[in-house]
Amino acid sequence: MSKLTIIANITAKADSIDLVKSELQKLIDITRAEDGCINYDLHQNNENPAHFLFFENWESTEQWQTHMGAQHLQDYLAATDGAVEAFTVDQMTHVD
C-alpha cells in the first residue's frame, strides 16, 4: 500500500484563534511519535490567522485511522469544542 497524505484544514472562530493554535500545537510531538507518522506539520495562514493547516504523511491508511482515534485527538476536540468554525480533511496520494 502506498503512503497516505492528509491535508487537514482547521478554521478557528475569530475569538478563539489563540486557544485553537495552542491546542493544535499540543498534538505535534505526540503525533510525530506515533507508529506510521512520517511527518506532521502545522501551518498558519499569513493573511487569515484563523486558518490552520496540517500537512501529514502516514505509512498507511490504517495507521492514520489509529491516530484519528487516539486519546490526544479526543482531548483536542474536547478542549476546542465550540471554538472551531470549520474542519475538513482530504486524503490524498502522491502522484509522480
C-alpha atoms as a PDB file:
ATOM      1  CA  MET A   1       0.000   0.000   0.000  1.00  0.00           C
ATOM      2  CA  SER A   2       1.246   3.470  -0.790  1.00  0.00           C
ATOM      3  CA  LYS A   3       1.822   6.230   1.681  1.00  0.00           C
ATOM      4  CA  LEU A   4      -1.162   8.397   2.645  1.00  0.00           C
ATOM      5  CA  THR A   5      -1.037  12.201   2.602  1.00  0.00           C
ATOM      6  CA  ILE A   6      -3.503  14.140   4.738  1.00  0.00           C
ATOM      7  CA  ILE A   7      -4.376  17.803   4.331  1.00  0.00           C
ATOM      8  CA  ALA A   8      -6.408  18.964   7.330  1.00  0.00           C
ATOM      9  CA  ASN A   9      -7.840  22.491   7.310  1.00  0.00           C
ATOM     10  CA  ILE A  10      -8.988  23.976  10.600  1.00  0.00           C
ATOM     11  CA  THR A  11     -10.592  27.403  10.838  1.00  0.00           C
ATOM     12  CA  ALA A  12     -10.888  28.817  14.338  1.00  0.00           C
ATOM     13  CA  LYS A  13     -13.603  31.230  15.370  1.00  0.00           C
ATOM     14  CA  ALA A  14     -12.213  34.784  15.473  1.00  0.00           C
ATOM     15  CA  ASP A  15     -12.270  34.946  19.266  1.00  0.00           C
ATOM     16  CA  SER A  16     -10.633  31.509  19.672  1.00  0.00           C
ATOM     17  CA  ILE A  17      -7.536  31.681  17.448  1.00  0.00           C
ATOM     18  CA  ASP A  18      -5.021  31.521  20.313  1.00  0.00           C
ATOM     19  CA  LEU A  19      -6.860  28.649  22.026  1.00  0.00           C
ATOM     20  CA  VAL A  20      -7.096  26.572  18.858  1.00  0.00           C
ATOM     21  CA  LYS A  21      -3.456  27.250  17.943  1.00  0.00           C
ATOM     22  CA  SER A  22      -2.282  26.234  21.408  1.00  0.00           C
ATOM     23  CA  GLU A  23      -4.320  23.030  21.347  1.00  0.00           C
ATOM     24  CA  LEU A  24      -3.114  22.156  17.827  1.00  0.00           C
ATOM     25  CA  GLN A  25       0.500  22.665  18.905  1.00  0.00           C
ATOM     26  CA  LYS A  26      -0.032  20.137  21.728  1.00  0.00           C
ATOM     27  CA  LEU A  27      -0.741  17.477  19.077  1.00  0.00           C
ATOM     28  CA  ILE A  28       2.551  17.817  17.222  1.00  0.00           C
ATOM     29  CA  ASP A  29       5.135  15.980  19.332  1.00  0.00           C
ATOM     30  CA  ILE A  30       2.813  13.193  20.483  1.00  0.00           C
ATOM     31  CA  THR A  31       1.597  12.570  16.921  1.00  0.00           C
ATOM     32  CA  ARG A  32       5.091  12.610  15.438  1.00  0.00           C
ATOM     33  CA  ALA A  33       5.966   9.800  17.866  1.00  0.00           C
ATOM     34  CA  GLU A  34       3.069   7.625  16.670  1.00  0.00           C
ATOM     35  CA  ASP A  35       3.694   4.467  14.692  1.00  0.00           C
ATOM     36  CA  GLY A  36       3.477   5.216  10.971  1.00  0.00           C
ATOM     37  CA  CYS A  37       3.755   9.002  11.166  1.00  0.00           C
ATOM     38  CA  ILE A  38       6.246  10.239   8.567  1.00  0.00           C
ATOM     39  CA  ASN A  39       5.612  13.946   9.105  1.00  0.00           C
ATOM     40  CA  TYR A  40       3.011  16.089  10.858  1.00  0.00           C
ATOM     41  CA  ASP A  41       3.488  19.772  10.101  1.00  0.00           C
ATOM     42  CA  LEU A  42       1.257  22.609  11.296  1.00  0.00           C
ATOM     43  CA  HIS A  43       0.933  25.830   9.283  1.00  0.00           C
ATOM     44  CA  GLN A  44      -0.911  29.092   9.963  1.00  0.00           C
ATOM     45  CA  ASN A  45      -2.197  31.259   7.107  1.00  0.00           C
ATOM     46  CA  ASN A  46      -0.286  34.545   6.803  1.00  0.00           C
ATOM     47  CA  GLU A  47      -3.351  36.502   5.681  1.00  0.00           C
ATOM     48  CA  ASN A  48      -6.002  34.741   7.771  1.00  0.00           C
ATOM     49  CA  PRO A  49      -4.573  33.788  11.185  1.00  0.00           C
ATOM     50  CA  ALA A  50      -7.732  31.805  11.999  1.00  0.00           C
ATOM     51  CA  HIS A  51      -6.851  29.272   9.260  1.00  0.00           C
ATOM     52  CA  PHE A  52      -4.543  26.394  10.202  1.00  0.00           C
ATOM     53  CA  LEU A  53      -3.398  23.531   8.015  1.00  0.00           C
ATOM     54  CA  PHE A  54      -1.817  20.226   8.936  1.00  0.00           C
ATOM     55  CA  PHE A  55       0.263  18.584   6.194  1.00  0.00           C
ATOM     56  CA  GLU A  56       0.719  14.952   7.177  1.00  0.00           C
ATOM     57  CA  ASN A  57       2.182  11.808   5.683  1.00  0.00           C
ATOM     58  CA  TRP A  58       1.485   8.351   7.042  1.00  0.00           C
ATOM     59  CA  GLU A  59       2.891   4.964   6.109  1.00  0.00           C
ATOM     60  CA  SER A  60      -0.645   3.574   5.747  1.00  0.00           C
ATOM     61  CA  THR A  61      -4.325   4.470   5.974  1.00  0.00           C
ATOM     62  CA  GLU A  62      -4.690   2.101   8.925  1.00  0.00           C
ATOM     63  CA  GLN A  63      -2.017   3.925  10.920  1.00  0.00           C
ATOM     64  CA  TRP A  64      -3.696   7.271  10.222  1.00  0.00           C
ATOM     65  CA  GLN A  65      -7.048   5.834  11.311  1.00  0.00           C
ATOM     66  CA  THR A  66      -5.446   4.681  14.563  1.00  0.00           C
ATOM     67  CA  HIS A  67      -4.163   8.235  15.024  1.00  0.00           C
ATOM     68  CA  MET A  68      -7.646   9.647  14.463  1.00  0.00           C
ATOM     69  CA  GLY A  69      -8.963   7.502  17.319  1.00  0.00           C
ATOM     70  CA  ALA A  70      -6.146   8.392  19.721  1.00  0.00           C
ATOM     71  CA  GLN A  71      -6.857   9.919  23.117  1.00  0.00           C
ATOM     72  CA  HIS A  72      -4.889  13.092  22.363  1.00  0.00           C
ATOM     73  CA  LEU A  73      -7.237  13.798  19.426  1.00  0.00           C
ATOM     74  CA  GLN A  74     -10.234  13.301  21.706  1.00  0.00           C
ATOM     75  CA  ASP A  75      -8.646  15.684  24.227  1.00  0.00           C
ATOM     76  CA  TYR A  76      -8.132  18.282  21.469  1.00  0.00           C
ATOM     77  CA  LEU A  77     -11.768  18.005  20.386  1.00  0.00           C
ATOM     78  CA  ALA A  78     -12.963  18.473  23.962  1.00  0.00           C
ATOM     79  CA  ALA A  79     -10.657  21.450  24.566  1.00  0.00           C
ATOM     80  CA  THR A  80     -11.734  23.220  21.363  1.00  0.00           C
ATOM     81  CA  ASP A  81     -15.444  22.380  21.491  1.00  0.00           C
ATOM     82  CA  GLY A  82     -17.266  25.438  20.146  1.00  0.00           C
ATOM     83  CA  ALA A  83     -14.023  27.185  19.125  1.00  0.00           C
ATOM     84  CA  VAL A  84     -13.693  25.805  15.568  1.00  0.00           C
ATOM     85  CA  GLU A  85     -15.655  27.324  12.696  1.00  0.00           C
ATOM     86  CA  ALA A  86     -14.764  24.678  10.083  1.00  0.00           C
ATOM     87  CA  PHE A  87     -12.739  21.474   9.760  1.00  0.00           C
ATOM     88  CA  THR A  88     -12.042  19.499   6.594  1.00  0.00           C
ATOM     89  CA  VAL A  89      -9.770  16.548   5.868  1.00  0.00           C
ATOM     90  CA  ASP A  90      -8.550  15.464   2.444  1.00  0.00           C
ATOM     91  CA  GLN A  91      -6.941  12.049   1.977  1.00  0.00           C
ATOM     92  CA  MET A  92      -4.501  12.174  -0.909  1.00  0.00           C
ATOM     93  CA  THR A  93      -1.992  10.005  -2.747  1.00  0.00           C
ATOM     94  CA  HIS A  94       1.285  11.313  -4.141  1.00  0.00           C
ATOM     95  CA  VAL A  95       1.393  11.226  -7.951  1.00  0.00           C
ATOM     96  CA  ASP A  96       4.800  11.005  -9.654  1.00  0.00           C
END
